[in-house]
Amino acid sequence: MTPRGGASSIGCLFSLLIVAVVIYFGVNIGEVYWRYYQYEDDMRQQVRFASHKTNDEILTELRAQADSLSLPDAAGQVTIRRSQTMISVESEYYETVELPLYAREFLFQPHAEGPL
């Protein structure tokens, strides 16, 4: 007797379905982290040129960037600490990723500091 050819293709289809589901939700989670890294990079950029800008200018630019990245409103609540020689910029926000039958919240705390 020879094995039925259809049994192996069903197993293959099931494996492909699992891979597709993992990729789909992985992309959703990856997108959230990608926006976080972009925002933190923008903070580093602002710190790099902070000696030429006021705190209000930095705050305005970071809020605009948070808005363009479609981050939650809390991401625009930026704390800027400046001393004679150092500057620190930070924020804190949550992002929610919808998974099947489950919503997962991720806490992000982008931060950048450097010399003036």
PDB file of N, CA and C in Angstrom:
ATOM      1  N   MET A   1       0.834  -1.187   0.000  1.00  0.00           N
ATOM      2  CA  MET A   1       0.000   0.000   0.000  1.00  0.00           C
ATOM      3  C   MET A   1       0.873   1.243   0.000  1.00  0.00           C
ATOM      4  N   THR A   2       0.439   2.224  -0.715  1.00  0.00           N
ATOM      5  CA  THR A   2       1.148   3.493  -0.733  1.00  0.00           C
ATOM      6  C   THR A   2       0.395   4.489   0.130  1.00  0.00           C
ATOM      7  N   PRO A   3       1.132   5.373   0.819  1.00  0.00           N
ATOM      8  CA  PRO A   3       0.444   6.367   1.656  1.00  0.00           C
ATOM      9  C   PRO A   3      -0.323   7.364   0.795  1.00  0.00           C
ATOM     10  N   ARG A   4      -1.351   7.894   1.378  1.00  0.00           N
ATOM     11  CA  ARG A   4      -2.168   8.877   0.673  1.00  0.00           C
ATOM     12  C   ARG A   4      -1.413  10.192   0.573  1.00  0.00           C
ATOM     13  N   GLY A   5      -1.407  10.772  -0.572  1.00  0.00           N
ATOM     14  CA  GLY A   5      -0.680  12.022  -0.817  1.00  0.00           C
ATOM     15  C   GLY A   5      -1.312  13.227  -0.123  1.00  0.00           C
ATOM     16  N   GLY A   6      -2.592  13.184   0.129  1.00  0.00           N
ATOM     17  CA  GLY A   6      -3.276  14.325   0.722  1.00  0.00           C
ATOM     18  C   GLY A   6      -2.920  14.564   2.167  1.00  0.00           C
ATOM     19  N   ALA A   7      -2.524  13.539   2.890  1.00  0.00           N
ATOM     20  CA  ALA A   7      -2.224  13.691   4.311  1.00  0.00           C
ATOM     21  C   ALA A   7      -1.025  14.597   4.525  1.00  0.00           C
ATOM     22  N   SER A   8      -0.033  14.508   3.685  1.00  0.00           N
ATOM     23  CA  SER A   8       1.153  15.342   3.873  1.00  0.00           C
ATOM     24  C   SER A   8       0.876  16.790   3.486  1.00  0.00           C
ATOM     25  N   SER A   9       0.025  17.023   2.505  1.00  0.00           N
ATOM     26  CA  SER A   9      -0.255  18.403   2.104  1.00  0.00           C
ATOM     27  C   SER A   9      -1.090  19.125   3.162  1.00  0.00           C
ATOM     28  N   ILE A  10      -1.927  18.405   3.893  1.00  0.00           N
ATOM     29  CA  ILE A  10      -2.686  19.040   4.975  1.00  0.00           C
ATOM     30  C   ILE A  10      -1.733  19.449   6.096  1.00  0.00           C
ATOM     31  N   GLY A  11      -0.788  18.615   6.403  1.00  0.00           N
ATOM     32  CA  GLY A  11       0.216  18.969   7.412  1.00  0.00           C
ATOM     33  C   GLY A  11       1.027  20.172   6.984  1.00  0.00           C
ATOM     34  N   CYS A  12       1.348  20.236   5.704  1.00  0.00           N
ATOM     35  CA  CYS A  12       2.102  21.375   5.169  1.00  0.00           C
ATOM     36  C   CYS A  12       1.266  22.650   5.242  1.00  0.00           C
ATOM     37  N   LEU A  13      -0.009  22.560   4.887  1.00  0.00           N
ATOM     38  CA  LEU A  13      -0.889  23.731   4.959  1.00  0.00           C
ATOM     39  C   LEU A  13      -1.042  24.223   6.389  1.00  0.00           C
ATOM     40  N   PHE A  14      -1.156  23.282   7.321  1.00  0.00           N
ATOM     41  CA  PHE A  14      -1.262  23.668   8.736  1.00  0.00           C
ATOM     42  C   PHE A  14       0.008  24.382   9.195  1.00  0.00           C
ATOM     43  N   SER A  15       1.160  23.877   8.778  1.00  0.00           N
ATOM     44  CA  SER A  15       2.432  24.525   9.130  1.00  0.00           C
ATOM     45  C   SER A  15       2.513  25.929   8.537  1.00  0.00           C
ATOM     46  N   LEU A  16       2.087  26.068   7.291  1.00  0.00           N
ATOM     47  CA  LEU A  16       2.087  27.385   6.657  1.00  0.00           C
ATOM     48  C   LEU A  16       1.131  28.345   7.356  1.00  0.00           C
ATOM     49  N   LEU A  17       0.002  27.849   7.814  1.00  0.00           N
ATOM     50  CA  LEU A  17      -0.953  28.672   8.550  1.00  0.00           C
ATOM     51  C   LEU A  17      -0.328  29.180   9.848  1.00  0.00           C
ATOM     52  N   ILE A  18       0.340  28.298  10.560  1.00  0.00           N
ATOM     53  CA  ILE A  18       0.998  28.695  11.818  1.00  0.00           C
ATOM     54  C   ILE A  18       2.068  29.744  11.541  1.00  0.00           C
ATOM     55  N   VAL A  19       2.871  29.551  10.509  1.00  0.00           N
ATOM     56  CA  VAL A  19       3.915  30.519  10.147  1.00  0.00           C
ATOM     57  C   VAL A  19       3.286  31.862   9.784  1.00  0.00           C
ATOM     58  N   ALA A  20       2.200  31.855   9.037  1.00  0.00           N
ATOM     59  CA  ALA A  20       1.528  33.095   8.638  1.00  0.00           C
ATOM     60  C   ALA A  20       0.987  33.841   9.852  1.00  0.00           C
ATOM     61  N   VAL A  21       0.415  33.131  10.813  1.00  0.00           N
ATOM     62  CA  VAL A  21      -0.115  33.758  12.027  1.00  0.00           C
ATOM     63  C   VAL A  21       1.018  34.378  12.843  1.00  0.00           C
ATOM     64  N   VAL A  22       2.113  33.652  12.982  1.00  0.00           N
ATOM     65  CA  VAL A  22       3.266  34.176  13.736  1.00  0.00           C
ATOM     66  C   VAL A  22       3.816  35.427  13.066  1.00  0.00           C
ATOM     67  N   ILE A  23       3.939  35.414  11.746  1.00  0.00           N
ATOM     68  CA  ILE A  23       4.440  36.584  11.023  1.00  0.00           C
ATOM     69  C   ILE A  23       3.478  37.760  11.169  1.00  0.00           C
ATOM     70  N   TYR A  24       2.183  37.505  11.051  1.00  0.00           N
ATOM     71  CA  TYR A  24       1.190  38.580  11.156  1.00  0.00           C
ATOM     72  C   TYR A  24       1.288  39.297  12.497  1.00  0.00           C
ATOM     73  N   PHE A  25       1.304  38.536  13.587  1.00  0.00           N
ATOM     74  CA  PHE A  25       1.358  39.171  14.899  1.00  0.00           C
ATOM     75  C   PHE A  25       2.761  39.674  15.222  1.00  0.00           C
ATOM     76  N   GLY A  26       3.764  39.041  14.674  1.00  0.00           N
ATOM     77  CA  GLY A  26       5.126  39.535  14.847  1.00  0.00           C
ATOM     78  C   GLY A  26       5.317  40.896  14.206  1.00  0.00           C
ATOM     79  N   VAL A  27       4.691  41.104  13.054  1.00  0.00           N
ATOM     80  CA  VAL A  27       4.764  42.405  12.379  1.00  0.00           C
ATOM     81  C   VAL A  27       4.081  43.463  13.230  1.00  0.00           C
ATOM     82  N   ASN A  28       2.931  43.149  13.814  1.00  0.00           N
ATOM     83  CA  ASN A  28       2.232  44.122  14.668  1.00  0.00           C
ATOM     84  C   ASN A  28       3.095  44.524  15.861  1.00  0.00           C
ATOM     85  N   ILE A  29       3.707  43.569  16.507  1.00  0.00           N
ATOM     86  CA  ILE A  29       4.562  43.869  17.657  1.00  0.00           C
ATOM     87  C   ILE A  29       5.828  44.579  17.193  1.00  0.00           C
ATOM     88  N   GLY A  30       6.382  44.143  16.080  1.00  0.00           N
ATOM     89  CA  GLY A  30       7.582  44.785  15.542  1.00  0.00           C
ATOM     90  C   GLY A  30       7.352  46.239  15.180  1.00  0.00           C
ATOM     91  N   GLU A  31       6.174  46.549  14.672  1.00  0.00           N
ATOM     92  CA  GLU A  31       5.849  47.933  14.307  1.00  0.00           C
ATOM     93  C   GLU A  31       5.856  48.841  15.539  1.00  0.00           C
ATOM     94  N   VAL A  32       5.342  48.356  16.647  1.00  0.00           N
ATOM     95  CA  VAL A  32       5.315  49.124  17.883  1.00  0.00           C
ATOM     96  C   VAL A  32       6.749  49.415  18.347  1.00  0.00           C
ATOM     97  N   TYR A  33       7.610  48.417  18.304  1.00  0.00           N
ATOM     98  CA  TYR A  33       9.003  48.614  18.704  1.00  0.00           C
ATOM     99  C   TYR A  33       9.755  49.508  17.720  1.00  0.00           C
ATOM    100  N   TRP A  34       9.445  49.402  16.447  1.00  0.00           N
ATOM    101  CA  TRP A  34      10.096  50.245  15.447  1.00  0.00           C
ATOM    102  C   TRP A  34       9.782  51.724  15.695  1.00  0.00           C
ATOM    103  N   ARG A  35       8.521  52.030  16.006  1.00  0.00           N
ATOM    104  CA  ARG A  35       8.160  53.425  16.319  1.00  0.00           C
ATOM    105  C   ARG A  35       8.876  53.915  17.576  1.00  0.00           C
ATOM    106  N   TYR A  36       9.016  53.046  18.567  1.00  0.00           N
ATOM    107  CA  TYR A  36       9.744  53.393  19.794  1.00  0.00           C
ATOM    108  C   TYR A  36      11.198  53.748  19.464  1.00  0.00           C
ATOM    109  N   TYR A  37      11.854  52.920  18.668  1.00  0.00           N
ATOM    110  CA  TYR A  37      13.254  53.179  18.321  1.00  0.00           C
ATOM    111  C   TYR A  37      13.394  54.459  17.503  1.00  0.00           C
ATOM    112  N   GLN A  38      12.453  54.746  16.626  1.00  0.00           N
ATOM    113  CA  GLN A  38      12.488  55.986  15.858  1.00  0.00           C
ATOM    114  C   GLN A  38      12.347  57.195  16.790  1.00  0.00           C
ATOM    115  N   TYR A  39      11.438  57.095  17.740  1.00  0.00           N
ATOM    116  CA  TYR A  39      11.211  58.202  18.669  1.00  0.00           C
ATOM    117  C   TYR A  39      12.445  58.421  19.548  1.00  0.00           C
ATOM    118  N   GLU A  40      13.027  57.339  20.031  1.00  0.00           N
ATOM    119  CA  GLU A  40      14.230  57.472  20.852  1.00  0.00           C
ATOM    120  C   GLU A  40      15.387  58.055  20.031  1.00  0.00           C
ATOM    121  N   ASP A  41      15.484  57.693  18.763  1.00  0.00           N
ATOM    122  CA  ASP A  41      16.503  58.266  17.894  1.00  0.00           C
ATOM    123  C   ASP A  41      16.273  59.761  17.714  1.00  0.00           C
ATOM    124  N   ASP A  42      15.007  60.166  17.597  1.00  0.00           N
ATOM    125  CA  ASP A  42      14.701  61.597  17.514  1.00  0.00           C
ATOM    126  C   ASP A  42      15.119  62.324  18.790  1.00  0.00           C
ATOM    127  N   MET A  43      14.931  61.670  19.927  1.00  0.00           N
ATOM    128  CA  MET A  43      15.377  62.273  21.190  1.00  0.00           C
ATOM    129  C   MET A  43      16.898  62.452  21.195  1.00  0.00           C
ATOM    130  N   ARG A  44      17.612  61.434  20.730  1.00  0.00           N
ATOM    131  CA  ARG A  44      19.075  61.542  20.673  1.00  0.00           C
ATOM    132  C   ARG A  44      19.501  62.684  19.749  1.00  0.00           C
ATOM    133  N   GLN A  45      18.782  62.839  18.659  1.00  0.00           N
ATOM    134  CA  GLN A  45      19.077  63.920  17.722  1.00  0.00           C
ATOM    135  C   GLN A  45      18.857  65.282  18.396  1.00  0.00           C
ATOM    136  N   GLN A  46      17.771  65.413  19.145  1.00  0.00           N
ATOM    137  CA  GLN A  46      17.500  66.667  19.841  1.00  0.00           C
ATOM    138  C   GLN A  46      18.572  66.953  20.891  1.00  0.00           C
ATOM    139  N   VAL A  47      19.026  65.925  21.591  1.00  0.00           N
ATOM    140  CA  VAL A  47      20.078  66.102  22.600  1.00  0.00           C
ATOM    141  C   VAL A  47      21.375  66.544  21.928  1.00  0.00           C
ATOM    142  N   ARG A  48      21.661  65.977  20.772  1.00  0.00           N
ATOM    143  CA  ARG A  48      22.904  66.303  20.057  1.00  0.00           C
ATOM    144  C   ARG A  48      22.980  67.795  19.723  1.00  0.00           C
ATOM    145  N   PHE A  49      21.836  68.397  19.398  1.00  0.00           N
ATOM    146  CA  PHE A  49      21.814  69.809  19.009  1.00  0.00           C
ATOM    147  C   PHE A  49      21.159  70.698  20.063  1.00  0.00           C
ATOM    148  N   ALA A  50      21.091  70.227  21.293  1.00  0.00           N
ATOM    149  CA  ALA A  50      20.391  70.952  22.359  1.00  0.00           C
ATOM    150  C   ALA A  50      21.054  72.268  22.722  1.00  0.00           C
ATOM    151  N   SER A  51      22.349  72.406  22.497  1.00  0.00           N
ATOM    152  CA  SER A  51      23.022  73.657  22.860  1.00  0.00           C
ATOM    153  C   SER A  51      22.533  74.822  22.003  1.00  0.00           C
ATOM    154  N   HIS A  52      21.909  74.523  20.868  1.00  0.00           N
ATOM    155  CA  HIS A  52      21.419  75.570  19.963  1.00  0.00           C
ATOM    156  C   HIS A  52      19.912  75.770  20.054  1.00  0.00           C
ATOM    157  N   LYS A  53      19.254  75.033  20.964  1.00  0.00           N
ATOM    158  CA  LYS A  53      17.800  75.105  21.054  1.00  0.00           C
ATOM    159  C   LYS A  53      17.360  75.316  22.495  1.00  0.00           C
ATOM    160  N   THR A  54      16.171  75.909  22.633  1.00  0.00           N
ATOM    161  CA  THR A  54      15.580  76.044  23.964  1.00  0.00           C
ATOM    162  C   THR A  54      14.795  74.774  24.282  1.00  0.00           C
ATOM    163  N   ASN A  55      14.441  74.623  25.537  1.00  0.00           N
ATOM    164  CA  ASN A  55      13.633  73.467  25.938  1.00  0.00           C
ATOM    165  C   ASN A  55      12.278  73.454  25.216  1.00  0.00           C
ATOM    166  N   ASP A  56      11.691  74.630  25.042  1.00  0.00           N
ATOM    167  CA  ASP A  56      10.398  74.709  24.356  1.00  0.00           C
ATOM    168  C   ASP A  56      10.509  74.263  22.896  1.00  0.00           C
ATOM    169  N   GLU A  57      11.598  74.615  22.231  1.00  0.00           N
ATOM    170  CA  GLU A  57      11.788  74.182  20.843  1.00  0.00           C
ATOM    171  C   GLU A  57      11.946  72.661  20.766  1.00  0.00           C
ATOM    172  N   ILE A  58      12.711  72.103  21.689  1.00  0.00           N
ATOM    173  CA  ILE A  58      12.902  70.648  21.739  1.00  0.00           C
ATOM    174  C   ILE A  58      11.566  69.962  21.988  1.00  0.00           C
ATOM    175  N   LEU A  59      10.824  70.475  22.944  1.00  0.00           N
ATOM    176  CA  LEU A  59       9.531  69.892  23.295  1.00  0.00           C
ATOM    177  C   LEU A  59       8.565  69.935  22.113  1.00  0.00           C
ATOM    178  N   THR A  60       8.512  71.054  21.425  1.00  0.00           N
ATOM    179  CA  THR A  60       7.626  71.192  20.261  1.00  0.00           C
ATOM    180  C   THR A  60       7.993  70.197  19.171  1.00  0.00           C
ATOM    181  N   GLU A  61       9.283  70.051  18.893  1.00  0.00           N
ATOM    182  CA  GLU A  61       9.720  69.131  17.843  1.00  0.00           C
ATOM    183  C   GLU A  61       9.452  67.673  18.222  1.00  0.00           C
ATOM    184  N   LEU A  62       9.655  67.318  19.487  1.00  0.00           N
ATOM    185  CA  LEU A  62       9.406  65.939  19.909  1.00  0.00           C
ATOM    186  C   LEU A  62       7.919  65.617  19.912  1.00  0.00           C
ATOM    187  N   ARG A  63       7.086  66.580  20.290  1.00  0.00           N
ATOM    188  CA  ARG A  63       5.637  66.354  20.242  1.00  0.00           C
ATOM    189  C   ARG A  63       5.163  66.162  18.806  1.00  0.00           C
ATOM    190  N   ALA A  64       5.726  66.957  17.896  1.00  0.00           N
ATOM    191  CA  ALA A  64       5.367  66.810  16.480  1.00  0.00           C
ATOM    192  C   ALA A  64       5.810  65.446  15.950  1.00  0.00           C
ATOM    193  N   GLN A  65       6.977  64.996  16.369  1.00  0.00           N
ATOM    194  CA  GLN A  65       7.467  63.691  15.927  1.00  0.00           C
ATOM    195  C   GLN A  65       6.610  62.563  16.490  1.00  0.00           C
ATOM    196  N   ALA A  66       6.235  62.677  17.760  1.00  0.00           N
ATOM    197  CA  ALA A  66       5.360  61.656  18.368  1.00  0.00           C
ATOM    198  C   ALA A  66       4.038  61.591  17.622  1.00  0.00           C
ATOM    199  N   ASP A  67       3.527  62.741  17.227  1.00  0.00           N
ATOM    200  CA  ASP A  67       2.276  62.783  16.479  1.00  0.00           C
ATOM    201  C   ASP A  67       2.444  62.160  15.093  1.00  0.00           C
ATOM    202  N   SER A  68       3.553  62.463  14.415  1.00  0.00           N
ATOM    203  CA  SER A  68       3.756  61.910  13.072  1.00  0.00           C
ATOM    204  C   SER A  68       3.999  60.401  13.105  1.00  0.00           C
ATOM    205  N   LEU A  69       4.509  59.876  14.216  1.00  0.00           N
ATOM    206  CA  LEU A  69       4.703  58.434  14.362  1.00  0.00           C
ATOM    207  C   LEU A  69       3.432  57.730  14.858  1.00  0.00           C
ATOM    208  N   SER A  70       2.376  58.497  15.094  1.00  0.00           N
ATOM    209  CA  SER A  70       1.104  57.973  15.619  1.00  0.00           C
ATOM    210  C   SER A  70       1.277  57.300  16.975  1.00  0.00           C
ATOM    211  N   LEU A  71       2.111  57.900  17.811  1.00  0.00           N
ATOM    212  CA  LEU A  71       2.295  57.404  19.171  1.00  0.00           C
ATOM    213  C   LEU A  71       1.150  57.906  20.041  1.00  0.00           C
ATOM    214  N   PRO A  72       0.902  57.261  21.172  1.00  0.00           N
ATOM    215  CA  PRO A  72      -0.133  57.752  22.087  1.00  0.00           C
ATOM    216  C   PRO A  72       0.194  59.164  22.586  1.00  0.00           C
ATOM    217  N   ASP A  73      -0.824  59.875  23.043  1.00  0.00           N
ATOM    218  CA  ASP A  73      -0.643  61.252  23.522  1.00  0.00           C
ATOM    219  C   ASP A  73       0.381  61.340  24.646  1.00  0.00           C
ATOM    220  N   ALA A  74       0.462  60.312  25.469  1.00  0.00           N
ATOM    221  CA  ALA A  74       1.404  60.324  26.593  1.00  0.00           C
ATOM    222  C   ALA A  74       2.854  60.423  26.123  1.00  0.00           C
ATOM    223  N   ALA A  75       3.154  59.988  24.911  1.00  0.00           N
ATOM    224  CA  ALA A  75       4.528  60.065  24.397  1.00  0.00           C
ATOM    225  C   ALA A  75       4.961  61.515  24.219  1.00  0.00           C
ATOM    226  N   GLY A  76       4.013  62.400  23.999  1.00  0.00           N
ATOM    227  CA  GLY A  76       4.334  63.811  23.847  1.00  0.00           C
ATOM    228  C   GLY A  76       4.594  64.528  25.160  1.00  0.00           C
ATOM    229  N   GLN A  77       4.355  63.862  26.271  1.00  0.00           N
ATOM    230  CA  GLN A  77       4.635  64.450  27.583  1.00  0.00           C
ATOM    231  C   GLN A  77       6.096  64.162  27.911  1.00  0.00           C
ATOM    232  N   VAL A  78       6.945  65.043  27.458  1.00  0.00           N
ATOM    233  CA  VAL A  78       8.392  64.863  27.537  1.00  0.00           C
ATOM    234  C   VAL A  78       8.938  65.652  28.716  1.00  0.00           C
ATOM    235  N   THR A  79       9.855  65.035  29.438  1.00  0.00           N
ATOM    236  CA  THR A  79      10.545  65.701  30.538  1.00  0.00           C
ATOM    237  C   THR A  79      11.954  66.050  30.073  1.00  0.00           C
ATOM    238  N   ILE A  80      12.302  67.322  30.210  1.00  0.00           N
ATOM    239  CA  ILE A  80      13.629  67.788  29.814  1.00  0.00           C
ATOM    240  C   ILE A  80      14.321  68.334  31.053  1.00  0.00           C
ATOM    241  N   ARG A  81      15.493  67.788  31.330  1.00  0.00           N
ATOM    242  CA  ARG A  81      16.317  68.280  32.446  1.00  0.00           C
ATOM    243  C   ARG A  81      17.624  68.790  31.866  1.00  0.00           C
ATOM    244  N   ARG A  82      17.936  70.033  32.220  1.00  0.00           N
ATOM    245  CA  ARG A  82      19.135  70.656  31.677  1.00  0.00           C
ATOM    246  C   ARG A  82      19.960  71.227  32.823  1.00  0.00           C
ATOM    247  N   SER A  83      21.261  70.928  32.809  1.00  0.00           N
ATOM    248  CA  SER A  83      22.188  71.536  33.765  1.00  0.00           C
ATOM    249  C   SER A  83      23.196  72.358  32.953  1.00  0.00           C
ATOM    250  N   GLN A  84      24.229  72.798  33.608  1.00  0.00           N
ATOM    251  CA  GLN A  84      25.243  73.589  32.905  1.00  0.00           C
ATOM    252  C   GLN A  84      25.970  72.761  31.840  1.00  0.00           C
ATOM    253  N   THR A  85      26.107  71.470  32.077  1.00  0.00           N
ATOM    254  CA  THR A  85      26.916  70.644  31.182  1.00  0.00           C
ATOM    255  C   THR A  85      26.173  69.469  30.547  1.00  0.00           C
ATOM    256  N   MET A  86      24.982  69.131  31.042  1.00  0.00           N
ATOM    257  CA  MET A  86      24.272  67.946  30.557  1.00  0.00           C
ATOM    258  C   MET A  86      22.811  68.271  30.251  1.00  0.00           C
ATOM    259  N   ILE A  87      22.223  67.452  29.376  1.00  0.00           N
ATOM    260  CA  ILE A  87      20.790  67.522  29.114  1.00  0.00           C
ATOM    261  C   ILE A  87      20.253  66.096  29.066  1.00  0.00           C
ATOM    262  N   SER A  88      19.042  65.937  29.586  1.00  0.00           N
ATOM    263  CA  SER A  88      18.377  64.647  29.592  1.00  0.00           C
ATOM    264  C   SER A  88      16.947  64.841  29.095  1.00  0.00           C
ATOM    265  N   VAL A  89      16.524  63.966  28.196  1.00  0.00           N
ATOM    266  CA  VAL A  89      15.177  64.024  27.631  1.00  0.00           C
ATOM    267  C   VAL A  89      14.561  62.639  27.790  1.00  0.00           C
ATOM    268  N   GLU A  90      13.340  62.587  28.320  1.00  0.00           N
ATOM    269  CA  GLU A  90      12.695  61.289  28.513  1.00  0.00           C
ATOM    270  C   GLU A  90      11.186  61.404  28.436  1.00  0.00           C
ATOM    271  N   SER A  91      10.569  60.270  28.206  1.00  0.00           N
ATOM    272  CA  SER A  91       9.121  60.172  28.139  1.00  0.00           C
ATOM    273  C   SER A  91       8.731  58.764  28.573  1.00  0.00           C
ATOM    274  N   GLU A  92       7.425  58.558  28.757  1.00  0.00           N
ATOM    275  CA  GLU A  92       6.927  57.238  29.129  1.00  0.00           C
ATOM    276  C   GLU A  92       5.519  57.101  28.561  1.00  0.00           C
ATOM    277  N   TYR A  93       5.268  55.975  27.914  1.00  0.00           N
ATOM    278  CA  TYR A  93       3.939  55.741  27.352  1.00  0.00           C
ATOM    279  C   TYR A  93       3.710  54.246  27.178  1.00  0.00           C
ATOM    280  N   TYR A  94       2.446  53.894  27.037  1.00  0.00           N
ATOM    281  CA  TYR A  94       2.034  52.511  26.806  1.00  0.00           C
ATOM    282  C   TYR A  94       1.485  52.389  25.391  1.00  0.00           C
ATOM    283  N   GLU A  95       1.767  51.272  24.764  1.00  0.00           N
ATOM    284  CA  GLU A  95       1.160  50.932  23.480  1.00  0.00           C
ATOM    285  C   GLU A  95       0.463  49.592  23.635  1.00  0.00           C
ATOM    286  N   THR A  96      -0.697  49.460  23.046  1.00  0.00           N
ATOM    287  CA  THR A  96      -1.470  48.227  23.125  1.00  0.00           C
ATOM    288  C   THR A  96      -1.438  47.520  21.775  1.00  0.00           C
ATOM    289  N   VAL A  97      -1.155  46.232  21.817  1.00  0.00           N
ATOM    290  CA  VAL A  97      -1.176  45.395  20.610  1.00  0.00           C
ATOM    291  C   VAL A  97      -2.294  44.386  20.775  1.00  0.00           C
ATOM    292  N   GLU A  98      -3.173  44.341  19.796  1.00  0.00           N
ATOM    293  CA  GLU A  98      -4.301  43.415  19.826  1.00  0.00           C
ATOM    294  C   GLU A  98      -3.871  42.063  19.270  1.00  0.00           C
ATOM    295  N   LEU A  99      -3.973  41.056  20.093  1.00  0.00           N
ATOM    296  CA  LEU A  99      -3.726  39.680  19.687  1.00  0.00           C
ATOM    297  C   LEU A  99      -5.055  38.942  19.768  1.00  0.00           C
ATOM    298  N   PRO A 100      -5.160  37.765  19.170  1.00  0.00           N
ATOM    299  CA  PRO A 100      -6.449  37.076  19.250  1.00  0.00           C
ATOM    300  C   PRO A 100      -6.822  36.766  20.699  1.00  0.00           C
ATOM    301  N   LEU A 101      -7.978  37.220  21.075  1.00  0.00           N
ATOM    302  CA  LEU A 101      -8.535  37.001  22.415  1.00  0.00           C
ATOM    303  C   LEU A 101      -7.686  37.618  23.525  1.00  0.00           C
ATOM    304  N   TYR A 102      -6.794  38.540  23.165  1.00  0.00           N
ATOM    305  CA  TYR A 102      -5.881  39.090  24.164  1.00  0.00           C
ATOM    306  C   TYR A 102      -5.326  40.409  23.669  1.00  0.00           C
ATOM    307  N   ALA A 103      -5.274  41.389  24.549  1.00  0.00           N
ATOM    308  CA  ALA A 103      -4.648  42.667  24.240  1.00  0.00           C
ATOM    309  C   ALA A 103      -3.453  42.821  25.171  1.00  0.00           C
ATOM    310  N   ARG A 104      -2.300  43.077  24.604  1.00  0.00           N
ATOM    311  CA  ARG A 104      -1.067  43.177  25.395  1.00  0.00           C
ATOM    312  C   ARG A 104      -0.600  44.620  25.410  1.00  0.00           C
ATOM    313  N   GLU A 105      -0.319  45.143  26.613  1.00  0.00           N
ATOM    314  CA  GLU A 105       0.208  46.500  26.750  1.00  0.00           C
ATOM    315  C   GLU A 105       1.720  46.445  26.933  1.00  0.00           C
ATOM    316  N   PHE A 106       2.406  47.303  26.199  1.00  0.00           N
ATOM    317  CA  PHE A 106       3.849  47.413  26.295  1.00  0.00           C
ATOM    318  C   PHE A 106       4.191  48.790  26.853  1.00  0.00           C
ATOM    319  N   LEU A 107       5.072  48.842  27.842  1.00  0.00           N
ATOM    320  CA  LEU A 107       5.548  50.094  28.412  1.00  0.00           C
ATOM    321  C   LEU A 107       6.837  50.486  27.716  1.00  0.00           C
ATOM    322  N   PHE A 108       6.884  51.714  27.222  1.00  0.00           N
ATOM    323  CA  PHE A 108       8.083  52.237  26.579  1.00  0.00           C
ATOM    324  C   PHE A 108       8.549  53.467  27.337  1.00  0.00           C
ATOM    325  N   GLN A 109       9.855  53.565  27.530  1.00  0.00           N
ATOM    326  CA  GLN A 109      10.457  54.696  28.232  1.00  0.00           C
ATOM    327  C   GLN A 109      11.643  55.214  27.426  1.00  0.00           C
ATOM    328  N   PRO A 110      11.373  55.899  26.317  1.00  0.00           N
ATOM    329  CA  PRO A 110      12.493  56.424  25.532  1.00  0.00           C
ATOM    330  C   PRO A 110      13.250  57.481  26.331  1.00  0.00           C
ATOM    331  N   HIS A 111      14.564  57.469  26.176  1.00  0.00           N
ATOM    332  CA  HIS A 111      15.417  58.332  26.983  1.00  0.00           C
ATOM    333  C   HIS A 111      16.677  58.654  26.184  1.00  0.00           C
ATOM    334  N   ALA A 112      17.134  59.888  26.316  1.00  0.00           N
ATOM    335  CA  ALA A 112      18.392  60.287  25.698  1.00  0.00           C
ATOM    336  C   ALA A 112      19.045  61.329  26.591  1.00  0.00           C
ATOM    337  N   GLU A 113      20.363  61.263  26.693  1.00  0.00           N
ATOM    338  CA  GLU A 113      21.092  62.269  27.455  1.00  0.00           C
ATOM    339  C   GLU A 113      22.447  62.480  26.830  1.00  0.00           C
ATOM    340  N   GLY A 114      22.990  63.643  27.101  1.00  0.00           N
ATOM    341  CA  GLY A 114      24.303  63.949  26.547  1.00  0.00           C
ATOM    342  C   GLY A 114      24.805  65.292  27.029  1.00  0.00           C
ATOM    343  N   PRO A 115      26.040  65.604  26.633  1.00  0.00           N
ATOM    344  CA  PRO A 115      26.630  66.882  27.050  1.00  0.00           C
ATOM    345  C   PRO A 115      26.054  68.042  26.243  1.00  0.00           C
ATOM    346  N   LEU A 116      26.138  69.221  26.840  1.00  0.00           N
ATOM    347  CA  LEU A 116      25.708  70.436  26.139  1.00  0.00           C
ATOM    348  C   LEU A 116      26.876  71.065  25.418  1.00  0.00           C
TER     349      LEU A 116
END
